[in-house]
Amino acid sequence: MLLGCFRSVAPGDAPEVDAGTADARPAARDAAPPSDSGVDLGPTGECTCVDESVCGEPPPFGCGRAVCVFESSCEIRADESGCGAGARCETTSLECADDVSTVGVVLRTDYEPGVDFDGIALRADGVVVALRTPSAGEDYLDGVRLGDFGTAATTVELELALYRGCRVVATQRSRPDARPEGTSVTMVVTGR
């Protein structure tokens, strides 16, 4: 099944890149057979996708984009930019809606940014809602706000991953209530 603009290629295959679109990232390991599934190819290879490429219309990809998650997998990301005033991208359906609750997420960790990790990915119900490259000036011991996202669900499954290059250093999961007014969640990752 094709998922919007997801595509992966084996090393040596030149991905087609439209003018004005970011360059495709090359695979870093020996690749598994090419796949159009839009998911990580696993330990034997990495998929290659075009950063922030616009996914196909109509919904369910109406407010989604395909993104490379720290060069290791192609995933769908919720994208608010195509939604009208006051509307948010609902993470499960990837449709713009006015009646979604807003969930904000703060990360607190004793892992040192730039040393222990150099990338953060936050998923809500399997959809990437925040990607962040930490800067040295951010105090993750006190907490750094990763962002806000919209959901129509009463509860949401959050998964936060810290990356060092393409390797996952640590993960944390949470399942907060998201209705009716929305919520703010602090996710704590320890273990240094």
N, C-alpha and C. Protein backbone atom coordinates (compact mmCIF):
# COMPACT_ATOMS: atom_id res chain seq x y z
N MET A 1 0.84 -1.18 0.00
CA MET A 1 0.00 0.00 0.00
C MET A 1 0.88 1.24 0.00
N LEU A 2 0.62 2.16 -0.88
CA LEU A 2 1.37 3.41 -0.91
C LEU A 2 0.79 4.38 0.09
N LEU A 3 1.63 5.05 0.82
CA LEU A 3 1.19 6.00 1.83
C LEU A 3 1.62 7.40 1.43
N GLY A 4 0.76 8.10 0.75
CA GLY A 4 1.07 9.49 0.39
C GLY A 4 2.34 9.59 -0.39
N CYS A 5 3.28 10.38 0.11
CA CYS A 5 4.52 10.62 -0.62
C CYS A 5 5.65 9.76 -0.10
N PHE A 6 5.36 8.71 0.64
CA PHE A 6 6.42 7.87 1.18
C PHE A 6 7.08 7.11 0.04
N ARG A 7 8.38 7.01 0.12
CA ARG A 7 9.12 6.25 -0.87
C ARG A 7 10.47 5.94 -0.26
N SER A 8 11.00 4.79 -0.53
CA SER A 8 12.35 4.50 -0.09
C SER A 8 13.09 3.85 -1.24
N VAL A 9 14.39 4.06 -1.27
CA VAL A 9 15.20 3.57 -2.38
C VAL A 9 16.45 2.90 -1.84
N ALA A 10 16.99 2.01 -2.65
CA ALA A 10 18.24 1.37 -2.28
C ALA A 10 19.39 2.30 -2.61
N PRO A 11 20.55 2.15 -1.94
CA PRO A 11 21.70 2.98 -2.27
C PRO A 11 22.05 2.80 -3.75
N GLY A 12 22.45 3.86 -4.39
CA GLY A 12 22.77 3.81 -5.81
C GLY A 12 21.61 4.21 -6.68
N ASP A 13 20.37 4.05 -6.19
CA ASP A 13 19.21 4.53 -6.93
C ASP A 13 19.10 6.03 -6.67
N ALA A 14 19.06 6.80 -7.72
CA ALA A 14 18.99 8.25 -7.54
C ALA A 14 17.55 8.65 -7.30
N PRO A 15 17.21 9.16 -6.11
CA PRO A 15 15.84 9.59 -5.87
C PRO A 15 15.54 10.83 -6.70
N GLU A 16 14.30 10.91 -7.19
CA GLU A 16 13.89 12.08 -7.94
C GLU A 16 13.59 13.20 -6.95
N VAL A 17 14.16 14.37 -7.19
CA VAL A 17 13.97 15.51 -6.30
C VAL A 17 13.52 16.68 -7.13
N ASP A 18 12.37 17.25 -6.78
CA ASP A 18 11.87 18.42 -7.49
C ASP A 18 12.73 19.62 -7.16
N ALA A 19 12.81 20.57 -8.09
CA ALA A 19 13.53 21.82 -7.83
C ALA A 19 12.87 22.51 -6.64
N GLY A 20 13.66 23.01 -5.73
CA GLY A 20 13.12 23.70 -4.56
C GLY A 20 12.84 22.79 -3.39
N THR A 21 13.01 21.47 -3.59
CA THR A 21 12.81 20.52 -2.51
C THR A 21 14.16 20.13 -1.94
N ALA A 22 14.21 19.89 -0.65
CA ALA A 22 15.47 19.53 -0.01
C ALA A 22 16.02 18.25 -0.63
N ASP A 23 17.34 18.10 -0.61
CA ASP A 23 17.97 16.89 -1.15
C ASP A 23 17.57 15.68 -0.33
N ALA A 24 17.47 14.55 -1.01
CA ALA A 24 17.19 13.30 -0.31
C ALA A 24 18.44 12.89 0.46
N ARG A 25 18.24 12.30 1.62
CA ARG A 25 19.37 11.86 2.41
C ARG A 25 19.78 10.47 1.97
N PRO A 26 21.06 10.21 1.80
CA PRO A 26 21.49 8.89 1.35
C PRO A 26 21.40 7.87 2.47
N ALA A 27 21.23 6.61 2.08
CA ALA A 27 21.23 5.54 3.07
C ALA A 27 22.63 5.40 3.64
N ALA A 28 22.73 5.04 4.91
CA ALA A 28 24.02 4.99 5.59
C ALA A 28 24.55 3.56 5.73
N ARG A 29 23.69 2.56 5.52
CA ARG A 29 24.10 1.17 5.67
C ARG A 29 23.70 0.41 4.42
N ASP A 30 24.14 -0.84 4.30
CA ASP A 30 23.69 -1.68 3.20
C ASP A 30 22.18 -1.79 3.29
N ALA A 31 21.51 -1.58 2.20
CA ALA A 31 20.06 -1.48 2.23
C ALA A 31 19.38 -2.83 2.08
N ALA A 32 18.23 -2.93 2.70
CA ALA A 32 17.32 -4.05 2.47
C ALA A 32 16.64 -3.79 1.13
N PRO A 33 15.84 -4.71 0.62
CA PRO A 33 15.15 -4.46 -0.64
C PRO A 33 14.32 -3.20 -0.56
N PRO A 34 14.22 -2.44 -1.67
CA PRO A 34 13.44 -1.21 -1.65
C PRO A 34 12.02 -1.47 -1.20
N SER A 35 11.43 -0.48 -0.55
CA SER A 35 10.09 -0.62 -0.01
C SER A 35 9.32 0.66 -0.24
N ASP A 36 8.01 0.53 -0.45
CA ASP A 36 7.15 1.70 -0.57
C ASP A 36 6.26 1.84 0.65
N SER A 37 6.60 1.14 1.73
CA SER A 37 5.72 1.12 2.89
C SER A 37 5.84 2.38 3.73
N GLY A 38 6.93 3.14 3.56
CA GLY A 38 7.08 4.35 4.34
C GLY A 38 7.53 4.12 5.76
N VAL A 39 8.04 2.95 6.06
CA VAL A 39 8.50 2.66 7.41
C VAL A 39 9.97 2.35 7.40
N ASP A 40 10.57 2.32 8.58
CA ASP A 40 11.98 2.02 8.72
C ASP A 40 12.25 0.64 8.12
N LEU A 41 13.33 0.53 7.36
CA LEU A 41 13.67 -0.74 6.74
C LEU A 41 14.37 -1.68 7.71
N GLY A 42 14.64 -1.26 8.91
CA GLY A 42 15.17 -2.15 9.92
C GLY A 42 16.68 -2.17 9.96
N PRO A 43 17.26 -3.14 10.68
CA PRO A 43 18.68 -3.13 10.97
C PRO A 43 19.57 -3.33 9.74
N THR A 44 19.03 -3.86 8.63
CA THR A 44 19.88 -4.11 7.47
C THR A 44 19.91 -2.93 6.50
N GLY A 45 19.10 -1.91 6.73
CA GLY A 45 19.12 -0.78 5.80
C GLY A 45 18.28 0.37 6.29
N GLU A 46 18.43 1.48 5.63
CA GLU A 46 17.67 2.67 5.98
C GLU A 46 16.95 3.18 4.75
N CYS A 47 15.78 3.70 4.94
CA CYS A 47 15.09 4.26 3.80
C CYS A 47 15.60 5.67 3.54
N THR A 48 15.39 6.13 2.34
CA THR A 48 15.79 7.48 1.97
C THR A 48 14.52 8.22 1.60
N CYS A 49 14.30 9.37 2.17
CA CYS A 49 13.12 10.14 1.80
C CYS A 49 13.50 11.60 1.68
N VAL A 50 12.63 12.38 1.11
CA VAL A 50 12.89 13.80 0.92
C VAL A 50 12.33 14.55 2.12
N ASP A 51 13.18 15.34 2.78
CA ASP A 51 12.75 16.08 3.96
C ASP A 51 11.56 16.97 3.65
N GLU A 52 10.59 16.95 4.56
CA GLU A 52 9.44 17.85 4.50
C GLU A 52 8.72 17.82 3.16
N SER A 53 8.71 16.66 2.49
CA SER A 53 8.00 16.58 1.22
C SER A 53 6.51 16.55 1.48
N VAL A 54 5.75 17.22 0.64
CA VAL A 54 4.31 17.36 0.87
C VAL A 54 3.61 16.07 0.48
N CYS A 55 2.80 15.56 1.39
CA CYS A 55 2.08 14.32 1.11
C CYS A 55 0.85 14.61 0.27
N GLY A 56 0.34 13.55 -0.34
CA GLY A 56 -0.78 13.70 -1.27
C GLY A 56 -2.08 14.13 -0.62
N GLU A 57 -2.90 14.79 -1.38
CA GLU A 57 -4.25 15.15 -0.99
C GLU A 57 -5.18 14.18 -1.70
N PRO A 58 -6.38 13.95 -1.30
CA PRO A 58 -7.05 14.49 -0.12
C PRO A 58 -6.68 13.72 1.14
N PRO A 59 -7.31 14.02 2.32
CA PRO A 59 -7.03 13.29 3.54
C PRO A 59 -7.17 11.80 3.28
N PRO A 60 -6.49 10.93 4.07
CA PRO A 60 -6.01 11.22 5.41
C PRO A 60 -4.68 11.94 5.49
N PHE A 61 -4.12 12.37 4.36
CA PHE A 61 -2.84 13.06 4.44
C PHE A 61 -3.02 14.55 4.20
N GLY A 62 -4.16 15.09 4.56
CA GLY A 62 -4.43 16.49 4.31
C GLY A 62 -3.56 17.42 5.13
N CYS A 63 -3.14 17.03 6.31
CA CYS A 63 -2.24 17.88 7.09
C CYS A 63 -1.05 17.07 7.57
N GLY A 64 -0.54 16.22 6.71
CA GLY A 64 0.63 15.42 7.02
C GLY A 64 1.74 15.65 6.03
N ARG A 65 2.95 15.39 6.45
CA ARG A 65 4.12 15.44 5.58
C ARG A 65 4.98 14.22 5.88
N ALA A 66 5.71 13.78 4.86
CA ALA A 66 6.70 12.73 5.10
C ALA A 66 7.98 13.39 5.55
N VAL A 67 8.59 12.85 6.57
CA VAL A 67 9.85 13.42 7.07
C VAL A 67 10.83 12.30 7.34
N CYS A 68 12.12 12.62 7.21
CA CYS A 68 13.16 11.70 7.66
C CYS A 68 13.36 11.95 9.15
N VAL A 69 13.29 10.90 9.94
CA VAL A 69 13.52 11.04 11.38
C VAL A 69 14.98 10.71 11.64
N PHE A 70 15.81 11.74 11.69
CA PHE A 70 17.23 11.62 11.96
C PHE A 70 17.89 10.57 11.06
N GLU A 71 17.52 10.64 9.78
CA GLU A 71 18.10 9.83 8.71
C GLU A 71 17.83 8.34 8.84
N SER A 72 16.98 7.93 9.77
CA SER A 72 16.83 6.50 9.98
C SER A 72 15.50 5.94 9.51
N SER A 73 14.46 6.75 9.39
CA SER A 73 13.18 6.22 8.92
C SER A 73 12.34 7.32 8.32
N CYS A 74 11.46 6.92 7.42
CA CYS A 74 10.50 7.85 6.82
C CYS A 74 9.20 7.71 7.59
N GLU A 75 8.67 8.81 8.09
CA GLU A 75 7.44 8.75 8.85
C GLU A 75 6.56 9.93 8.49
N ILE A 76 5.28 9.82 8.86
CA ILE A 76 4.37 10.94 8.65
C ILE A 76 4.45 11.89 9.83
N ARG A 77 4.44 13.16 9.53
CA ARG A 77 4.45 14.19 10.55
C ARG A 77 3.21 15.05 10.43
N ALA A 78 2.56 15.34 11.56
CA ALA A 78 1.43 16.27 11.56
C ALA A 78 1.94 17.65 11.17
N ASP A 79 1.17 18.36 10.36
CA ASP A 79 1.60 19.65 9.85
C ASP A 79 0.46 20.65 9.95
N GLU A 80 0.63 21.66 10.79
CA GLU A 80 -0.43 22.66 11.01
C GLU A 80 -0.54 23.68 9.88
N SER A 81 0.49 23.79 9.04
CA SER A 81 0.55 24.91 8.09
C SER A 81 -0.58 24.91 7.07
N GLY A 82 -1.17 23.74 6.77
CA GLY A 82 -2.25 23.70 5.79
C GLY A 82 -3.62 23.90 6.39
N CYS A 83 -3.70 24.11 7.70
CA CYS A 83 -5.00 24.24 8.37
C CYS A 83 -5.40 25.71 8.46
N GLY A 84 -6.70 25.97 8.43
CA GLY A 84 -7.22 27.34 8.51
C GLY A 84 -7.07 27.93 9.89
N ALA A 85 -7.50 29.17 10.03
CA ALA A 85 -7.40 29.89 11.30
C ALA A 85 -8.16 29.15 12.38
N GLY A 86 -7.50 28.89 13.49
CA GLY A 86 -8.14 28.22 14.62
C GLY A 86 -8.17 26.71 14.51
N ALA A 87 -7.87 26.16 13.34
CA ALA A 87 -7.90 24.70 13.17
C ALA A 87 -6.55 24.10 13.50
N ARG A 88 -6.56 22.85 13.93
CA ARG A 88 -5.33 22.12 14.22
C ARG A 88 -5.33 20.83 13.41
N CYS A 89 -4.16 20.26 13.25
CA CYS A 89 -4.04 18.97 12.58
C CYS A 89 -4.32 17.88 13.61
N GLU A 90 -5.38 17.12 13.41
CA GLU A 90 -5.74 16.05 14.31
C GLU A 90 -4.82 14.86 14.01
N THR A 91 -4.10 14.38 15.00
CA THR A 91 -2.99 13.45 14.76
C THR A 91 -3.41 12.08 14.26
N THR A 92 -4.60 11.61 14.61
CA THR A 92 -5.02 10.28 14.19
C THR A 92 -5.51 10.27 12.75
N SER A 93 -6.36 11.22 12.40
CA SER A 93 -6.93 11.26 11.05
C SER A 93 -6.09 12.07 10.07
N LEU A 94 -5.18 12.92 10.58
CA LEU A 94 -4.42 13.87 9.77
C LEU A 94 -5.35 14.74 8.94
N GLU A 95 -6.45 15.16 9.56
CA GLU A 95 -7.36 16.12 8.96
C GLU A 95 -7.39 17.37 9.83
N CYS A 96 -7.58 18.52 9.19
CA CYS A 96 -7.69 19.76 9.95
C CYS A 96 -9.05 19.80 10.62
N ALA A 97 -9.08 20.22 11.88
CA ALA A 97 -10.34 20.27 12.63
C ALA A 97 -10.30 21.41 13.63
N ASP A 98 -11.50 21.91 13.97
CA ASP A 98 -11.62 23.00 14.94
C ASP A 98 -11.83 22.50 16.35
N ASP A 99 -12.31 21.25 16.51
CA ASP A 99 -12.71 20.76 17.82
C ASP A 99 -11.69 19.80 18.42
N VAL A 100 -10.41 20.15 18.31
CA VAL A 100 -9.37 19.29 18.88
C VAL A 100 -8.81 19.91 20.15
N SER A 101 -8.40 19.05 21.08
CA SER A 101 -7.74 19.52 22.29
C SER A 101 -6.26 19.71 22.01
N THR A 102 -5.65 20.64 22.71
CA THR A 102 -4.23 20.89 22.55
C THR A 102 -3.46 20.23 23.68
N VAL A 103 -2.43 19.48 23.31
CA VAL A 103 -1.57 18.83 24.29
C VAL A 103 -0.17 19.42 24.13
N GLY A 104 0.38 19.91 25.23
CA GLY A 104 1.75 20.44 25.23
C GLY A 104 2.67 19.47 25.93
N VAL A 105 3.90 19.35 25.44
CA VAL A 105 4.85 18.38 26.01
C VAL A 105 6.16 19.07 26.36
N VAL A 106 6.63 18.82 27.58
CA VAL A 106 7.91 19.32 28.09
C VAL A 106 8.80 18.11 28.36
N LEU A 107 10.07 18.20 27.96
CA LEU A 107 11.04 17.14 28.23
C LEU A 107 11.99 17.59 29.33
N ARG A 108 12.15 16.73 30.35
CA ARG A 108 13.17 16.90 31.38
C ARG A 108 14.07 15.68 31.32
N THR A 109 15.39 15.90 31.26
CA THR A 109 16.31 14.77 31.20
C THR A 109 17.66 15.14 31.77
N ASP A 110 18.34 14.11 32.30
CA ASP A 110 19.71 14.31 32.77
C ASP A 110 20.72 13.92 31.69
N TYR A 111 20.24 13.48 30.52
CA TYR A 111 21.14 13.27 29.39
C TYR A 111 21.61 14.64 28.90
N GLU A 112 22.87 14.74 28.52
CA GLU A 112 23.43 16.03 28.11
C GLU A 112 23.26 16.26 26.61
N PRO A 113 22.57 17.36 26.23
CA PRO A 113 22.37 17.63 24.81
C PRO A 113 23.69 17.88 24.10
N GLY A 114 23.82 17.34 22.89
CA GLY A 114 25.04 17.49 22.12
C GLY A 114 26.11 16.48 22.47
N VAL A 115 25.99 15.86 23.64
CA VAL A 115 26.95 14.84 24.07
C VAL A 115 26.28 13.47 24.07
N ASP A 116 25.21 13.34 24.86
CA ASP A 116 24.48 12.08 24.94
C ASP A 116 23.42 11.94 23.85
N PHE A 117 22.85 13.05 23.41
CA PHE A 117 21.83 13.01 22.36
C PHE A 117 21.92 14.27 21.52
N ASP A 118 21.55 14.12 20.23
CA ASP A 118 21.57 15.28 19.34
C ASP A 118 20.28 15.40 18.54
N GLY A 119 19.27 14.63 18.92
CA GLY A 119 17.97 14.73 18.27
C GLY A 119 16.87 14.21 19.16
N ILE A 120 15.68 14.79 19.01
CA ILE A 120 14.50 14.40 19.79
C ILE A 120 13.35 14.22 18.82
N ALA A 121 12.63 13.11 18.94
CA ALA A 121 11.41 12.89 18.17
C ALA A 121 10.28 12.57 19.13
N LEU A 122 9.16 13.25 18.96
CA LEU A 122 7.97 13.00 19.77
C LEU A 122 6.87 12.51 18.85
N ARG A 123 6.28 11.38 19.20
CA ARG A 123 5.17 10.82 18.42
C ARG A 123 3.92 10.81 19.28
N ALA A 124 2.79 11.12 18.65
CA ALA A 124 1.49 11.03 19.29
C ALA A 124 0.66 10.06 18.47
N ASP A 125 0.24 8.97 19.07
CA ASP A 125 -0.49 7.92 18.36
C ASP A 125 0.23 7.52 17.08
N GLY A 126 1.56 7.43 17.15
CA GLY A 126 2.36 6.97 16.04
C GLY A 126 2.74 8.01 15.01
N VAL A 127 2.21 9.22 15.13
CA VAL A 127 2.50 10.30 14.18
C VAL A 127 3.52 11.25 14.79
N VAL A 128 4.55 11.61 14.04
CA VAL A 128 5.56 12.54 14.54
C VAL A 128 4.93 13.92 14.67
N VAL A 129 4.95 14.47 15.89
CA VAL A 129 4.40 15.80 16.12
C VAL A 129 5.47 16.82 16.46
N ALA A 130 6.68 16.36 16.78
CA ALA A 130 7.78 17.29 17.07
C ALA A 130 9.11 16.61 16.76
N LEU A 131 9.96 17.33 16.05
CA LEU A 131 11.35 16.94 15.82
C LEU A 131 12.20 18.09 16.28
N ARG A 132 13.25 17.81 17.02
CA ARG A 132 14.06 18.91 17.57
C ARG A 132 15.52 18.50 17.64
N THR A 133 16.36 19.44 17.24
CA THR A 133 17.80 19.30 17.44
C THR A 133 18.15 20.22 18.60
N PRO A 134 18.59 19.68 19.73
CA PRO A 134 18.81 20.51 20.92
C PRO A 134 19.99 21.46 20.72
N SER A 135 19.89 22.60 21.36
CA SER A 135 21.01 23.54 21.36
C SER A 135 21.65 23.55 22.74
N ALA A 136 22.90 23.98 22.78
CA ALA A 136 23.67 23.95 24.03
C ALA A 136 23.06 24.84 25.11
N GLY A 137 22.34 25.89 24.73
CA GLY A 137 21.80 26.82 25.71
C GLY A 137 20.52 26.36 26.38
N GLU A 138 19.95 25.23 25.96
CA GLU A 138 18.70 24.77 26.54
C GLU A 138 18.97 23.94 27.79
N ASP A 139 18.20 24.21 28.84
CA ASP A 139 18.38 23.52 30.11
C ASP A 139 17.37 22.39 30.23
N TYR A 140 17.80 21.19 29.83
CA TYR A 140 16.90 20.05 29.85
C TYR A 140 16.68 19.49 31.25
N LEU A 141 17.55 19.84 32.22
CA LEU A 141 17.30 19.44 33.60
C LEU A 141 16.06 20.13 34.15
N ASP A 142 15.89 21.41 33.82
CA ASP A 142 14.71 22.16 34.25
C ASP A 142 13.51 21.90 33.36
N GLY A 143 13.75 21.50 32.11
CA GLY A 143 12.66 21.19 31.18
C GLY A 143 12.64 22.13 29.99
N VAL A 144 12.42 21.56 28.82
CA VAL A 144 12.31 22.32 27.57
C VAL A 144 11.01 21.91 26.89
N ARG A 145 10.22 22.91 26.51
CA ARG A 145 8.94 22.64 25.84
C ARG A 145 9.21 22.21 24.40
N LEU A 146 8.72 21.02 24.04
CA LEU A 146 8.93 20.49 22.70
C LEU A 146 7.90 21.00 21.72
N GLY A 147 6.73 21.39 22.22
CA GLY A 147 5.69 21.94 21.35
C GLY A 147 4.32 21.48 21.75
N ASP A 148 3.34 21.89 20.96
CA ASP A 148 1.94 21.55 21.17
C ASP A 148 1.41 20.86 19.94
N PHE A 149 0.45 19.98 20.13
CA PHE A 149 -0.21 19.33 18.99
C PHE A 149 -1.67 19.13 19.32
N GLY A 150 -2.46 18.85 18.31
CA GLY A 150 -3.90 18.70 18.49
C GLY A 150 -4.34 17.25 18.39
N THR A 151 -5.34 16.90 19.20
CA THR A 151 -5.93 15.56 19.11
C THR A 151 -7.39 15.61 19.49
N ALA A 152 -8.19 14.79 18.81
CA ALA A 152 -9.61 14.67 19.14
C ALA A 152 -9.85 13.50 20.09
N ALA A 153 -8.81 12.74 20.39
CA ALA A 153 -8.95 11.57 21.26
C ALA A 153 -9.09 11.99 22.72
N THR A 154 -9.67 11.11 23.52
CA THR A 154 -9.79 11.38 24.96
C THR A 154 -8.47 11.09 25.67
N THR A 155 -7.71 10.13 25.16
CA THR A 155 -6.36 9.87 25.65
C THR A 155 -5.45 9.76 24.43
N VAL A 156 -4.18 9.99 24.64
CA VAL A 156 -3.23 9.94 23.53
C VAL A 156 -2.00 9.16 23.97
N GLU A 157 -1.48 8.34 23.07
CA GLU A 157 -0.27 7.55 23.34
C GLU A 157 0.93 8.36 22.88
N LEU A 158 1.77 8.80 23.83
CA LEU A 158 2.96 9.58 23.50
C LEU A 158 4.19 8.70 23.59
N GLU A 159 5.09 8.87 22.63
CA GLU A 159 6.39 8.20 22.69
C GLU A 159 7.46 9.22 22.35
N LEU A 160 8.39 9.39 23.26
CA LEU A 160 9.49 10.33 23.08
C LEU A 160 10.77 9.53 22.93
N ALA A 161 11.59 9.89 21.94
CA ALA A 161 12.86 9.19 21.73
C ALA A 161 13.99 10.19 21.63
N LEU A 162 15.08 9.91 22.33
CA LEU A 162 16.32 10.68 22.21
C LEU A 162 17.24 9.92 21.27
N TYR A 163 17.82 10.65 20.31
CA TYR A 163 18.70 10.04 19.31
C TYR A 163 20.12 10.57 19.45
N ARG A 164 21.07 9.75 19.12
CA ARG A 164 22.46 10.16 18.90
C ARG A 164 22.76 9.67 17.49
N GLY A 165 22.77 10.58 16.52
CA GLY A 165 22.84 10.18 15.13
C GLY A 165 21.57 9.43 14.78
N CYS A 166 21.70 8.22 14.25
CA CYS A 166 20.54 7.39 13.91
C CYS A 166 20.19 6.40 15.01
N ARG A 167 20.95 6.39 16.09
CA ARG A 167 20.75 5.41 17.16
C ARG A 167 19.84 5.99 18.25
N VAL A 168 18.86 5.21 18.67
CA VAL A 168 17.97 5.62 19.77
C VAL A 168 18.72 5.41 21.08
N VAL A 169 18.87 6.49 21.84
CA VAL A 169 19.58 6.45 23.12
C VAL A 169 18.63 6.07 24.26
N ALA A 170 17.43 6.65 24.25
CA ALA A 170 16.47 6.40 25.32
C ALA A 170 15.07 6.72 24.81
N THR A 171 14.08 6.06 25.39
CA THR A 171 12.68 6.33 25.06
C THR A 171 11.87 6.46 26.33
N GLN A 172 10.75 7.11 26.20
CA GLN A 172 9.80 7.25 27.30
C GLN A 172 8.40 7.27 26.70
N ARG A 173 7.46 6.61 27.39
CA ARG A 173 6.07 6.59 26.92
C ARG A 173 5.17 7.18 28.00
N SER A 174 4.06 7.74 27.53
CA SER A 174 3.06 8.30 28.44
C SER A 174 1.70 8.20 27.75
N ARG A 175 0.65 8.09 28.54
CA ARG A 175 -0.71 8.02 28.00
C ARG A 175 -1.60 8.99 28.79
N PRO A 176 -1.46 10.28 28.53
CA PRO A 176 -2.24 11.26 29.29
C PRO A 176 -3.67 11.42 28.76
N ASP A 177 -4.56 11.91 29.63
CA ASP A 177 -5.88 12.34 29.20
C ASP A 177 -5.72 13.61 28.39
N ALA A 178 -6.50 13.75 27.34
CA ALA A 178 -6.38 14.92 26.47
C ALA A 178 -7.68 15.71 26.36
N ARG A 179 -8.74 15.31 27.04
CA ARG A 179 -10.03 15.96 26.91
C ARG A 179 -10.56 16.38 28.26
N PRO A 180 -11.44 17.34 28.36
CA PRO A 180 -11.94 18.13 27.25
C PRO A 180 -11.12 19.39 26.97
N GLU A 181 -10.35 19.86 27.94
CA GLU A 181 -9.68 21.16 27.77
C GLU A 181 -8.26 21.05 27.24
N GLY A 182 -7.76 19.85 27.10
CA GLY A 182 -6.36 19.70 26.73
C GLY A 182 -5.51 19.53 27.98
N THR A 183 -4.21 19.40 27.80
CA THR A 183 -3.35 19.13 28.94
C THR A 183 -1.91 19.52 28.62
N SER A 184 -1.09 19.56 29.67
CA SER A 184 0.34 19.73 29.51
C SER A 184 1.01 18.54 30.20
N VAL A 185 1.99 17.94 29.51
CA VAL A 185 2.63 16.73 30.00
C VAL A 185 4.13 16.98 30.11
N THR A 186 4.72 16.59 31.24
CA THR A 186 6.17 16.61 31.38
C THR A 186 6.65 15.17 31.32
N MET A 187 7.53 14.90 30.34
CA MET A 187 8.08 13.56 30.19
C MET A 187 9.51 13.59 30.71
N VAL A 188 9.82 12.69 31.63
CA VAL A 188 11.13 12.65 32.28
C VAL A 188 11.90 11.43 31.79
N VAL A 189 13.11 11.68 31.29
CA VAL A 189 13.97 10.60 30.79
C VAL A 189 15.27 10.67 31.60
N THR A 190 15.54 9.60 32.36
CA THR A 190 16.76 9.56 33.18
C THR A 190 17.54 8.29 32.87
N GLY A 191 18.77 8.26 33.35
CA GLY A 191 19.51 7.03 33.18
C GLY A 191 20.97 7.22 32.84
N ARG A 192 21.48 8.42 32.88
CA ARG A 192 22.90 8.63 32.58
C ARG A 192 23.76 7.98 33.62
